[in-house]
């Protein structure tokens, strides 16, 4: 890739990590039913960019940096949505738990316990 024009290096670095990640995540999803698209994208772009920096392929490193930034932006946007949903789910479960505790306290009455009587001494 060192003999390629800088624009080609930039475009390959920008588009290769998401495409590769899409292919691999599709394979992994079929095998293990998990999704690794963003993780593969970020590691592919970050690792490729780091290797390009060490080898002084500046156009490829710049493309990989842009690709990493786009992947991180997508991850951050999705993470923020998930956090709101998790907070709502947490609030709902807390309300259900409190209602259950209230109901159990109302239903259960203290049972008489065998206690020693105090002597009138």
N, C-alpha and C. Protein backbone atom coordinates (compact mmCIF):
# COMPACT_ATOMS: atom_id res chain seq x y z
N UNK A 1 0.81 -1.19 0.00
CA UNK A 1 0.00 0.00 0.00
C UNK A 1 0.85 1.25 0.00
N UNK A 2 2.15 1.09 0.16
CA UNK A 2 3.01 2.25 0.16
C UNK A 2 3.10 2.88 -1.22
N UNK A 3 2.96 2.08 -2.29
CA UNK A 3 3.04 2.61 -3.63
C UNK A 3 1.71 3.17 -4.14
N UNK A 4 0.66 3.03 -3.37
CA UNK A 4 -0.65 3.53 -3.78
C UNK A 4 -0.72 5.03 -3.61
N UNK A 5 -1.62 5.68 -4.33
CA UNK A 5 -1.82 7.12 -4.11
C UNK A 5 -2.41 7.37 -2.72
N UNK A 6 -2.12 8.52 -2.16
CA UNK A 6 -2.60 8.82 -0.79
C UNK A 6 -4.12 8.75 -0.66
N UNK A 7 -4.86 9.17 -1.68
CA UNK A 7 -6.32 9.12 -1.59
C UNK A 7 -6.81 7.68 -1.51
N UNK A 8 -6.17 6.79 -2.24
CA UNK A 8 -6.56 5.38 -2.19
C UNK A 8 -6.27 4.79 -0.81
N UNK A 9 -5.12 5.14 -0.23
CA UNK A 9 -4.80 4.70 1.13
C UNK A 9 -5.83 5.20 2.13
N UNK A 10 -6.19 6.47 1.99
CA UNK A 10 -7.17 7.07 2.89
C UNK A 10 -8.51 6.34 2.80
N UNK A 11 -8.97 6.11 1.57
CA UNK A 11 -10.27 5.46 1.38
C UNK A 11 -10.26 4.01 1.85
N UNK A 12 -9.16 3.30 1.61
CA UNK A 12 -9.06 1.92 2.08
C UNK A 12 -9.10 1.89 3.60
N UNK A 13 -8.38 2.79 4.24
CA UNK A 13 -8.36 2.83 5.71
C UNK A 13 -9.71 3.24 6.27
N UNK A 14 -10.43 4.07 5.56
CA UNK A 14 -11.73 4.52 6.04
C UNK A 14 -12.80 3.44 5.88
N UNK A 15 -12.77 2.72 4.79
CA UNK A 15 -13.86 1.80 4.47
C UNK A 15 -13.57 0.33 4.80
N UNK A 16 -12.31 -0.04 4.91
CA UNK A 16 -11.99 -1.45 5.15
C UNK A 16 -12.42 -1.94 6.54
N UNK A 17 -12.16 -1.24 7.64
CA UNK A 17 -12.57 -1.77 8.94
C UNK A 17 -14.07 -2.03 9.07
N UNK A 18 -14.97 -1.10 8.67
CA UNK A 18 -16.39 -1.44 8.81
C UNK A 18 -16.81 -2.60 7.90
N UNK A 19 -16.26 -2.67 6.70
CA UNK A 19 -16.63 -3.76 5.79
C UNK A 19 -16.15 -5.10 6.34
N UNK A 20 -14.93 -5.14 6.79
CA UNK A 20 -14.36 -6.36 7.35
C UNK A 20 -15.13 -6.76 8.60
N UNK A 21 -15.44 -5.80 9.43
CA UNK A 21 -16.19 -6.08 10.65
C UNK A 21 -17.58 -6.59 10.33
N UNK A 22 -18.20 -6.05 9.29
CA UNK A 22 -19.53 -6.52 8.88
C UNK A 22 -19.48 -7.99 8.47
N UNK A 23 -18.47 -8.35 7.71
CA UNK A 23 -18.34 -9.74 7.29
C UNK A 23 -18.09 -10.67 8.48
N UNK A 24 -17.15 -10.29 9.33
CA UNK A 24 -16.81 -11.14 10.47
C UNK A 24 -17.94 -11.20 11.48
N UNK A 25 -18.61 -10.08 11.74
CA UNK A 25 -19.70 -10.11 12.71
C UNK A 25 -20.86 -10.94 12.20
N UNK A 26 -21.10 -10.93 10.88
CA UNK A 26 -22.13 -11.80 10.32
C UNK A 26 -21.80 -13.26 10.53
N UNK A 27 -20.53 -13.61 10.35
CA UNK A 27 -20.11 -14.99 10.58
C UNK A 27 -20.25 -15.36 12.05
N UNK A 28 -19.77 -14.50 12.94
CA UNK A 28 -19.85 -14.78 14.38
C UNK A 28 -21.29 -14.83 14.85
N UNK A 29 -22.13 -13.98 14.29
CA UNK A 29 -23.53 -13.97 14.69
C UNK A 29 -24.20 -15.28 14.31
N UNK A 30 -23.85 -15.80 13.15
CA UNK A 30 -24.42 -17.09 12.74
C UNK A 30 -23.92 -18.23 13.63
N UNK A 31 -22.66 -18.13 14.06
CA UNK A 31 -22.09 -19.20 14.87
C UNK A 31 -22.47 -19.09 16.35
N UNK A 32 -22.39 -17.90 16.90
CA UNK A 32 -22.52 -17.74 18.35
C UNK A 32 -23.68 -16.85 18.80
N UNK A 33 -24.42 -16.28 17.87
CA UNK A 33 -25.57 -15.42 18.18
C UNK A 33 -25.20 -14.18 18.98
N UNK A 34 -24.03 -13.65 18.75
CA UNK A 34 -23.63 -12.39 19.39
C UNK A 34 -23.26 -11.39 18.32
N UNK A 35 -23.29 -10.13 18.70
CA UNK A 35 -22.98 -9.08 17.73
C UNK A 35 -21.66 -8.41 18.11
N UNK A 36 -20.77 -8.38 17.16
CA UNK A 36 -19.45 -7.79 17.40
C UNK A 36 -19.10 -6.75 16.35
N UNK A 37 -20.08 -6.16 15.72
CA UNK A 37 -19.78 -5.26 14.61
C UNK A 37 -18.96 -4.05 15.05
N UNK A 38 -19.44 -3.31 16.04
CA UNK A 38 -18.72 -2.10 16.46
C UNK A 38 -17.38 -2.43 17.08
N UNK A 39 -17.33 -3.50 17.84
CA UNK A 39 -16.05 -3.89 18.46
C UNK A 39 -15.03 -4.21 17.37
N UNK A 40 -15.45 -4.97 16.36
CA UNK A 40 -14.55 -5.30 15.26
C UNK A 40 -14.12 -4.08 14.48
N UNK A 41 -15.06 -3.16 14.26
CA UNK A 41 -14.76 -1.93 13.55
C UNK A 41 -13.71 -1.13 14.32
N UNK A 42 -13.93 -0.94 15.61
CA UNK A 42 -13.01 -0.12 16.39
C UNK A 42 -11.63 -0.75 16.50
N UNK A 43 -11.59 -2.05 16.74
CA UNK A 43 -10.27 -2.71 16.83
C UNK A 43 -9.57 -2.75 15.48
N UNK A 44 -10.34 -2.97 14.41
CA UNK A 44 -9.73 -2.99 13.08
C UNK A 44 -9.18 -1.64 12.68
N UNK A 45 -9.97 -0.61 12.89
CA UNK A 45 -9.52 0.73 12.52
C UNK A 45 -8.40 1.21 13.44
N UNK A 46 -8.54 0.96 14.73
CA UNK A 46 -7.50 1.40 15.67
C UNK A 46 -6.19 0.66 15.48
N UNK A 47 -6.28 -0.66 15.31
CA UNK A 47 -5.06 -1.44 15.10
C UNK A 47 -4.40 -1.12 13.78
N UNK A 48 -5.22 -0.99 12.72
CA UNK A 48 -4.67 -0.63 11.42
C UNK A 48 -4.05 0.76 11.42
N UNK A 49 -4.70 1.67 12.11
CA UNK A 49 -4.15 3.03 12.21
C UNK A 49 -2.85 3.07 12.98
N UNK A 50 -2.77 2.29 14.04
CA UNK A 50 -1.54 2.25 14.82
C UNK A 50 -0.39 1.65 14.00
N UNK A 51 -0.68 0.57 13.30
CA UNK A 51 0.35 -0.03 12.45
C UNK A 51 0.77 0.94 11.34
N UNK A 52 -0.17 1.66 10.78
CA UNK A 52 0.16 2.63 9.73
C UNK A 52 1.00 3.77 10.27
N UNK A 53 0.72 4.20 11.49
CA UNK A 53 1.54 5.25 12.10
C UNK A 53 2.98 4.77 12.31
N UNK A 54 3.11 3.52 12.76
CA UNK A 54 4.45 3.00 12.98
C UNK A 54 5.23 2.83 11.69
N UNK A 55 4.52 2.58 10.58
CA UNK A 55 5.18 2.40 9.28
C UNK A 55 5.22 3.69 8.45
N UNK A 56 4.68 4.76 9.01
CA UNK A 56 4.67 6.09 8.36
C UNK A 56 3.83 6.12 7.09
N UNK A 57 2.70 5.40 7.09
CA UNK A 57 1.72 5.49 5.99
C UNK A 57 0.69 6.52 6.44
N UNK A 58 0.97 7.78 6.21
CA UNK A 58 0.18 8.86 6.80
C UNK A 58 -1.25 8.90 6.28
N UNK A 59 -1.46 8.66 5.00
CA UNK A 59 -2.81 8.71 4.45
C UNK A 59 -3.67 7.59 5.04
N UNK A 60 -3.11 6.40 5.15
CA UNK A 60 -3.84 5.28 5.73
C UNK A 60 -4.13 5.55 7.21
N UNK A 61 -3.14 6.10 7.92
CA UNK A 61 -3.33 6.40 9.34
C UNK A 61 -4.43 7.44 9.53
N UNK A 62 -4.48 8.44 8.65
CA UNK A 62 -5.53 9.46 8.74
C UNK A 62 -6.90 8.84 8.47
N UNK A 63 -7.00 8.00 7.46
CA UNK A 63 -8.26 7.33 7.16
C UNK A 63 -8.72 6.44 8.30
N UNK A 64 -7.77 5.72 8.91
CA UNK A 64 -8.11 4.86 10.04
C UNK A 64 -8.55 5.69 11.25
N UNK A 65 -7.93 6.84 11.44
CA UNK A 65 -8.32 7.71 12.55
C UNK A 65 -9.75 8.23 12.34
N UNK A 66 -10.08 8.61 11.12
CA UNK A 66 -11.45 9.08 10.84
C UNK A 66 -12.44 7.93 11.03
N UNK A 67 -12.07 6.75 10.56
CA UNK A 67 -12.94 5.59 10.72
C UNK A 67 -13.14 5.25 12.20
N UNK A 68 -12.08 5.33 13.00
CA UNK A 68 -12.19 5.10 14.44
C UNK A 68 -13.09 6.14 15.09
N UNK A 69 -12.94 7.40 14.68
CA UNK A 69 -13.78 8.46 15.24
C UNK A 69 -15.26 8.22 14.92
N UNK A 70 -15.55 7.81 13.70
CA UNK A 70 -16.94 7.52 13.32
C UNK A 70 -17.48 6.35 14.14
N UNK A 71 -16.69 5.30 14.30
CA UNK A 71 -17.10 4.15 15.10
C UNK A 71 -17.35 4.51 16.55
N UNK A 72 -16.47 5.34 17.11
CA UNK A 72 -16.65 5.79 18.49
C UNK A 72 -17.89 6.65 18.65
N UNK A 73 -18.17 7.49 17.65
CA UNK A 73 -19.37 8.33 17.71
C UNK A 73 -20.63 7.47 17.69
N UNK A 74 -20.64 6.44 16.85
CA UNK A 74 -21.79 5.54 16.79
C UNK A 74 -21.94 4.79 18.12
N UNK A 75 -20.83 4.32 18.66
CA UNK A 75 -20.86 3.61 19.93
C UNK A 75 -21.40 4.52 21.04
N UNK A 76 -20.93 5.77 21.08
CA UNK A 76 -21.35 6.71 22.12
C UNK A 76 -22.84 7.01 21.99
N UNK A 77 -23.32 7.18 20.77
CA UNK A 77 -24.72 7.49 20.55
C UNK A 77 -25.60 6.32 21.00
N UNK A 78 -25.21 5.10 20.70
CA UNK A 78 -25.97 3.93 21.11
C UNK A 78 -25.90 3.72 22.62
N UNK A 79 -24.75 3.99 23.19
CA UNK A 79 -24.56 3.81 24.63
C UNK A 79 -25.48 4.73 25.40
N UNK A 80 -25.63 5.96 24.96
CA UNK A 80 -26.47 6.94 25.63
C UNK A 80 -27.93 6.48 25.63
N UNK A 81 -28.39 5.93 24.52
CA UNK A 81 -29.76 5.42 24.46
C UNK A 81 -29.95 4.26 25.42
N UNK A 82 -28.97 3.37 25.45
CA UNK A 82 -29.06 2.21 26.33
C UNK A 82 -29.09 2.62 27.79
N UNK A 83 -28.32 3.62 28.14
CA UNK A 83 -28.27 4.07 29.52
C UNK A 83 -29.64 4.58 29.98
N UNK A 84 -30.35 5.33 29.11
CA UNK A 84 -31.67 5.81 29.47
C UNK A 84 -32.65 4.66 29.64
N UNK A 85 -32.58 3.69 28.77
CA UNK A 85 -33.47 2.54 28.87
C UNK A 85 -33.17 1.76 30.14
N UNK A 86 -31.90 1.57 30.45
CA UNK A 86 -31.55 0.84 31.67
C UNK A 86 -32.00 1.60 32.91
N UNK A 87 -31.92 2.92 32.88
CA UNK A 87 -32.38 3.70 34.03
C UNK A 87 -33.88 3.54 34.21
N UNK A 88 -34.62 3.57 33.10
CA UNK A 88 -36.06 3.38 33.21
C UNK A 88 -36.40 1.98 33.71
N UNK A 89 -35.67 0.98 33.21
CA UNK A 89 -35.91 -0.38 33.68
C UNK A 89 -35.57 -0.50 35.16
N UNK A 90 -34.52 0.17 35.60
CA UNK A 90 -34.16 0.14 37.01
C UNK A 90 -35.22 0.79 37.87
N UNK A 91 -35.78 1.90 37.40
CA UNK A 91 -36.82 2.58 38.15
C UNK A 91 -38.06 1.70 38.25
N UNK A 92 -38.42 1.06 37.16
CA UNK A 92 -39.59 0.18 37.16
C UNK A 92 -39.38 -0.98 38.12
N UNK A 93 -38.20 -1.58 38.09
CA UNK A 93 -37.96 -2.72 38.98
C UNK A 93 -37.94 -2.28 40.44
N UNK A 94 -37.43 -1.09 40.73
CA UNK A 94 -37.46 -0.59 42.10
C UNK A 94 -38.89 -0.39 42.58
N UNK A 95 -39.74 0.18 41.71
CA UNK A 95 -41.14 0.38 42.08
C UNK A 95 -41.85 -0.96 42.32
N UNK A 96 -41.58 -1.94 41.45
CA UNK A 96 -42.18 -3.25 41.65
C UNK A 96 -41.69 -3.90 42.94
N UNK A 97 -40.41 -3.77 43.22
CA UNK A 97 -39.86 -4.34 44.45
C UNK A 97 -40.48 -3.69 45.68
N UNK A 98 -40.59 -2.35 45.66
CA UNK A 98 -41.18 -1.65 46.80
C UNK A 98 -42.64 -2.04 47.01
N UNK A 99 -43.38 -2.20 45.90
CA UNK A 99 -44.78 -2.62 46.02
C UNK A 99 -44.87 -4.03 46.60
N UNK A 100 -43.98 -4.90 46.16
CA UNK A 100 -43.98 -6.26 46.68
C UNK A 100 -43.65 -6.29 48.17
N UNK A 101 -42.67 -5.50 48.59
CA UNK A 101 -42.30 -5.46 50.00
C UNK A 101 -43.46 -4.90 50.82
N UNK A 102 -44.10 -3.85 50.31
CA UNK A 102 -45.25 -3.27 51.01
C UNK A 102 -46.36 -4.30 51.18
N UNK A 103 -46.65 -5.02 50.12
CA UNK A 103 -47.72 -6.02 50.15
C UNK A 103 -47.37 -7.15 51.12
N UNK A 104 -46.14 -7.61 51.10
CA UNK A 104 -45.73 -8.69 52.01
C UNK A 104 -45.81 -8.22 53.45
N UNK A 105 -45.45 -7.00 53.73
CA UNK A 105 -45.52 -6.48 55.10
C UNK A 105 -46.96 -6.35 55.57
N UNK A 106 -47.86 -5.99 54.65
CA UNK A 106 -49.27 -5.89 55.02
C UNK A 106 -49.86 -7.28 55.31
N UNK A 107 -49.50 -8.25 54.48
CA UNK A 107 -50.09 -9.59 54.61
C UNK A 107 -49.55 -10.31 55.83
N UNK A 108 -48.26 -10.24 56.04
CA UNK A 108 -47.67 -10.99 57.17
C UNK A 108 -47.85 -10.19 58.44
N UNK A 109 -48.34 -10.86 59.43
CA UNK A 109 -48.49 -10.24 60.74
C UNK A 109 -47.51 -10.93 61.67
N UNK A 110 -47.04 -10.21 62.63
CA UNK A 110 -46.09 -10.85 63.54
C UNK A 110 -46.75 -12.04 64.26
N UNK A 111 -46.06 -13.11 64.24
CA UNK A 111 -46.59 -14.31 64.91
C UNK A 111 -46.12 -14.31 66.36
N UNK A 112 -46.93 -14.91 67.22
CA UNK A 112 -46.50 -14.96 68.62
C UNK A 112 -45.25 -15.82 68.76
N UNK A 113 -44.36 -15.33 69.52
CA UNK A 113 -43.09 -16.02 69.72
C UNK A 113 -43.00 -16.44 71.18
N UNK A 114 -42.43 -17.60 71.41
CA UNK A 114 -42.25 -18.04 72.79
C UNK A 114 -41.14 -17.22 73.42
N UNK A 115 -41.56 -16.48 74.43
CA UNK A 115 -40.57 -15.66 75.13
C UNK A 115 -40.67 -15.98 76.64
N UNK A 116 -39.56 -15.97 77.26
CA UNK A 116 -39.63 -16.21 78.72
C UNK A 116 -40.30 -15.02 79.40
N UNK A 117 -41.13 -15.31 80.39
CA UNK A 117 -41.80 -14.26 81.15
C UNK A 117 -40.86 -13.67 82.18
N UNK A 118 -41.02 -12.40 82.38
CA UNK A 118 -40.19 -11.78 83.41
C UNK A 118 -40.74 -12.16 84.79
N UNK A 119 -39.82 -12.44 85.64
CA UNK A 119 -40.27 -12.78 86.99
C UNK A 119 -40.50 -11.50 87.78
N UNK A 120 -41.51 -11.45 88.59
CA UNK A 120 -41.83 -10.23 89.33
C UNK A 120 -40.90 -10.01 90.51
N UNK A 121 -39.70 -10.26 90.42
CA UNK A 121 -38.80 -10.14 91.56
C UNK A 121 -38.26 -8.81 91.74
